[in-house]
Amino acid sequence: MQISFGLLARDPRMARIIHSGKPIWSYEANDLVKSISPLRYSRANAWRAKYFGFQGIGFWCHSRNRVDLWFPGTKKGQEYALVYPGRLPVPSARWEAVRDGLEDIAAITLLEQRIEAEREKIGKRRLIAQAQDAIRIALNDVMELSDWAFMESRDYLRPGDRRIWHTWADIETFRRHRATIARLTLALSR
């Protein structure tokens, strides 16, 4: 699949932004976001930021609107909210996926810290190489998994357009990488 926007297309504007030395956050504001897989879009958002070296992610919006968010959207902007109103806020599947993605990246960061702490130990070089490969493969897998959802969202889905959902294989991809990252972090901690 050919990607024609931003960093993956080597957009020179993105190169200038990255080399500016300033913090970079990604920001998404897609209407009809309920049509896109929470795994491929909301969970992968943190992974994409990590992949590109961004410092954070943002959304529009956490919780807002005067319309009843419990029903399918009929007005522009009705589907942006990540948390539904109630006596106490009610998290959506998308909000939970964002949390999972942030936890995934925290686990990768912990593994990277273990790699750095153990780098000089001769007996751990093979394990360090395994850990570095695991991180690279995991990031690439999630980028491939999420690209279609991010590209399609740029086409501004309309009501009735196809859904971009996930499969059991997508769920397994995240589960497998999280387990591998945890196993290697523990092995490097011994």
Protein backbone atom coordinates (compact mmCIF):
# COMPACT_ATOMS: atom_id res chain seq x y z
CA MET A 1 0.00 0.00 0.00
CA GLN A 2 1.37 3.41 -0.91
CA ILE A 3 0.97 6.12 1.70
CA SER A 4 0.75 9.65 0.47
CA PHE A 5 0.78 11.93 3.48
CA GLY A 6 2.99 13.19 6.28
CA LEU A 7 6.01 11.36 7.55
CA LEU A 8 5.56 8.12 5.66
CA ALA A 9 5.72 10.00 2.35
CA ARG A 10 8.81 11.88 3.52
CA ASP A 11 6.94 15.19 3.47
CA PRO A 12 9.68 17.88 3.81
CA ARG A 13 7.44 19.96 6.07
CA MET A 14 7.34 17.11 8.58
CA ALA A 15 11.13 16.78 8.47
CA ARG A 16 11.45 20.50 9.34
CA ILE A 17 8.98 20.14 12.20
CA ILE A 18 10.79 17.10 13.61
CA HIS A 19 14.21 18.74 13.36
CA SER A 20 12.97 21.96 15.01
CA GLY A 21 13.82 20.54 18.44
CA LYS A 22 10.39 21.50 19.77
CA PRO A 23 7.95 19.01 21.32
CA ILE A 24 5.58 17.47 18.78
CA TRP A 25 2.13 16.09 19.51
CA SER A 26 -0.24 14.46 17.08
CA TYR A 27 -3.84 15.62 17.03
CA GLU A 28 -6.82 13.95 15.43
CA ALA A 29 -10.37 15.24 15.04
CA ASN A 30 -12.22 12.77 12.86
CA ASP A 31 -15.96 12.89 12.51
CA LEU A 32 -17.69 9.48 12.48
CA VAL A 33 -14.83 8.02 14.50
CA LYS A 34 -17.24 5.33 15.74
CA SER A 35 -16.91 3.82 12.25
CA ILE A 36 -13.21 3.13 12.84
CA SER A 37 -11.77 0.29 14.93
CA PRO A 38 -10.82 1.39 18.45
CA LEU A 39 -7.74 -0.85 18.13
CA ARG A 40 -6.62 0.34 14.71
CA TYR A 41 -7.26 4.00 15.47
CA SER A 42 -7.54 4.93 19.14
CA ARG A 43 -5.10 2.36 20.58
CA ALA A 44 -2.68 2.73 17.68
CA ASN A 45 -2.54 6.51 18.08
CA ALA A 46 0.02 6.30 20.91
CA TRP A 47 2.01 3.72 18.93
CA ARG A 48 2.12 6.04 15.91
CA ALA A 49 3.38 8.87 18.12
CA LYS A 50 6.12 6.58 19.45
CA TYR A 51 7.01 5.39 15.96
CA PHE A 52 7.45 8.96 14.68
CA GLY A 53 9.16 10.23 17.84
CA PHE A 54 6.32 12.50 18.97
CA GLN A 55 6.00 13.45 22.62
CA GLY A 56 2.23 13.17 22.94
CA ILE A 57 -1.21 12.71 21.38
CA GLY A 58 -4.37 14.78 21.47
CA PHE A 59 -8.04 14.45 20.56
CA TRP A 60 -11.15 16.45 20.01
CA CYS A 61 -12.65 15.87 22.46
CA HIS A 62 -12.83 14.11 25.81
CA SER A 63 -16.50 14.82 26.53
CA ARG A 64 -18.70 17.56 25.19
CA ASN A 65 -21.92 18.19 23.30
CA ARG A 66 -25.46 19.06 24.17
CA VAL A 67 -26.82 16.15 22.15
CA ASP A 68 -27.48 12.70 23.56
CA LEU A 69 -24.25 10.83 22.89
CA TRP A 70 -25.90 7.50 23.63
CA PHE A 71 -27.58 7.44 20.22
CA PRO A 72 -25.99 7.26 16.73
CA GLY A 73 -24.73 10.56 15.42
CA THR A 74 -26.92 12.63 13.17
CA LYS A 75 -25.19 15.98 13.61
CA LYS A 76 -21.64 16.90 12.71
CA GLY A 77 -19.39 16.53 15.72
CA GLN A 78 -21.70 14.23 17.64
CA GLU A 79 -19.26 11.31 17.62
CA TYR A 80 -16.09 13.03 18.83
CA ALA A 81 -16.57 12.43 22.56
CA LEU A 82 -14.44 9.73 24.18
CA VAL A 83 -16.39 9.71 27.44
CA TYR A 84 -20.17 9.66 27.75
CA PRO A 85 -22.14 11.74 30.24
CA GLY A 86 -23.79 10.18 33.24
CA ARG A 87 -23.89 10.51 37.00
CA LEU A 88 -20.22 9.54 36.71
CA PRO A 89 -18.40 9.75 33.36
CA VAL A 90 -18.78 6.56 31.30
CA PRO A 91 -15.71 5.64 29.23
CA SER A 92 -16.23 4.54 25.64
CA ALA A 93 -14.44 1.64 23.94
CA ARG A 94 -12.34 4.32 22.23
CA TRP A 95 -11.28 5.86 25.55
CA GLU A 96 -10.33 2.42 26.89
CA ALA A 97 -8.34 1.78 23.70
CA VAL A 98 -6.46 5.08 24.16
CA ARG A 99 -5.58 3.98 27.71
CA ASP A 100 -4.40 0.58 26.45
CA GLY A 101 -2.23 2.27 23.83
CA LEU A 102 -0.64 4.56 26.41
CA GLU A 103 0.03 1.54 28.65
CA ASP A 104 1.59 -0.29 25.68
CA ILE A 105 3.98 2.60 25.09
CA ALA A 106 4.80 2.82 28.80
CA ALA A 107 5.75 -0.88 28.64
CA ILE A 108 7.94 -0.26 25.57
CA THR A 109 9.60 2.68 27.35
CA LEU A 110 10.30 0.49 30.38
CA LEU A 111 11.90 -2.12 28.11
CA GLU A 112 14.00 0.58 26.42
CA GLN A 113 15.18 1.73 29.87
CA ARG A 114 16.16 -1.86 30.76
CA ILE A 115 18.06 -2.15 27.46
CA GLU A 116 19.97 1.04 28.25
CA ALA A 117 20.73 -0.06 31.83
CA GLU A 118 22.04 -3.47 30.71
CA ARG A 119 23.80 -2.36 27.50
CA GLU A 120 27.36 -2.78 28.83
CA LYS A 121 26.82 -6.27 30.26
CA ILE A 122 28.43 -8.79 27.93
CA GLY A 123 26.21 -11.67 29.06
CA LYS A 124 23.05 -9.82 28.01
CA ARG A 125 23.97 -8.74 24.48
CA ARG A 126 21.87 -11.44 22.84
CA LEU A 127 18.86 -10.61 25.03
CA ILE A 128 19.32 -6.90 24.30
CA ALA A 129 19.34 -7.60 20.55
CA GLN A 130 16.15 -9.67 20.96
CA ALA A 131 14.49 -6.81 22.87
CA GLN A 132 15.49 -4.22 20.26
CA ASP A 133 14.13 -6.45 17.49
CA ALA A 134 10.90 -7.02 19.42
CA ILE A 135 10.32 -3.26 19.76
CA ARG A 136 11.06 -2.62 16.08
CA ILE A 137 8.79 -5.44 14.92
CA ALA A 138 5.97 -4.42 17.28
CA LEU A 139 6.05 -0.79 16.11
CA ASN A 140 6.10 -1.82 12.45
CA ASP A 141 3.26 -4.32 12.95
CA VAL A 142 1.02 -1.74 14.60
CA MET A 143 1.88 0.88 11.96
CA GLU A 144 0.83 -1.55 9.22
CA LEU A 145 -2.30 -2.49 11.15
CA SER A 146 -3.33 1.12 11.70
CA ASP A 147 -2.37 2.78 8.42
CA TRP A 148 -5.63 2.00 6.66
CA ALA A 149 -7.69 3.46 9.51
CA PHE A 150 -5.62 6.66 9.57
CA MET A 151 -5.61 7.02 5.80
CA GLU A 152 -9.33 6.30 5.49
CA SER A 153 -10.15 8.82 8.21
CA ARG A 154 -8.50 11.45 6.03
CA ASP A 155 -11.12 10.71 3.37
CA TYR A 156 -13.78 11.95 5.77
CA LEU A 157 -16.15 9.03 6.09
CA ARG A 158 -19.81 9.91 5.69
CA PRO A 159 -22.77 8.21 7.36
CA GLY A 160 -23.33 4.90 5.58
CA ASP A 161 -19.73 4.57 4.41
CA ARG A 162 -17.97 1.31 5.18
CA ARG A 163 -16.72 0.58 8.64
CA ILE A 164 -13.06 -0.01 9.33
CA TRP A 165 -13.15 -2.57 12.09
CA HIS A 166 -10.73 -5.00 13.64
CA THR A 167 -10.49 -8.77 13.68
CA TRP A 168 -9.38 -11.38 16.19
CA ALA A 169 -5.95 -11.23 14.50
CA ASP A 170 -5.66 -7.52 15.36
CA ILE A 171 -6.47 -8.27 19.00
CA GLU A 172 -3.88 -11.06 18.99
CA THR A 173 -1.24 -8.73 17.51
CA PHE A 174 -1.50 -6.33 20.44
CA ARG A 175 -1.70 -9.17 22.98
CA ARG A 176 1.34 -10.97 21.55
CA HIS A 177 3.51 -7.84 21.44
CA ARG A 178 2.53 -6.80 24.94
CA ALA A 179 3.40 -10.28 26.27
CA THR A 180 6.76 -10.30 24.45
CA ILE A 181 7.65 -6.84 25.75
CA ALA A 182 6.78 -7.89 29.33
CA ARG A 183 8.76 -11.15 29.05
CA LEU A 184 11.86 -9.38 27.73
CA THR A 185 11.63 -6.60 30.34
CA LEU A 186 11.56 -9.21 33.11
CA ALA A 187 14.43 -11.17 31.54
CA LEU A 188 16.58 -8.03 31.35
CA SER A 189 15.73 -7.19 34.97
CA ARG A 190 17.25 -10.42 36.29
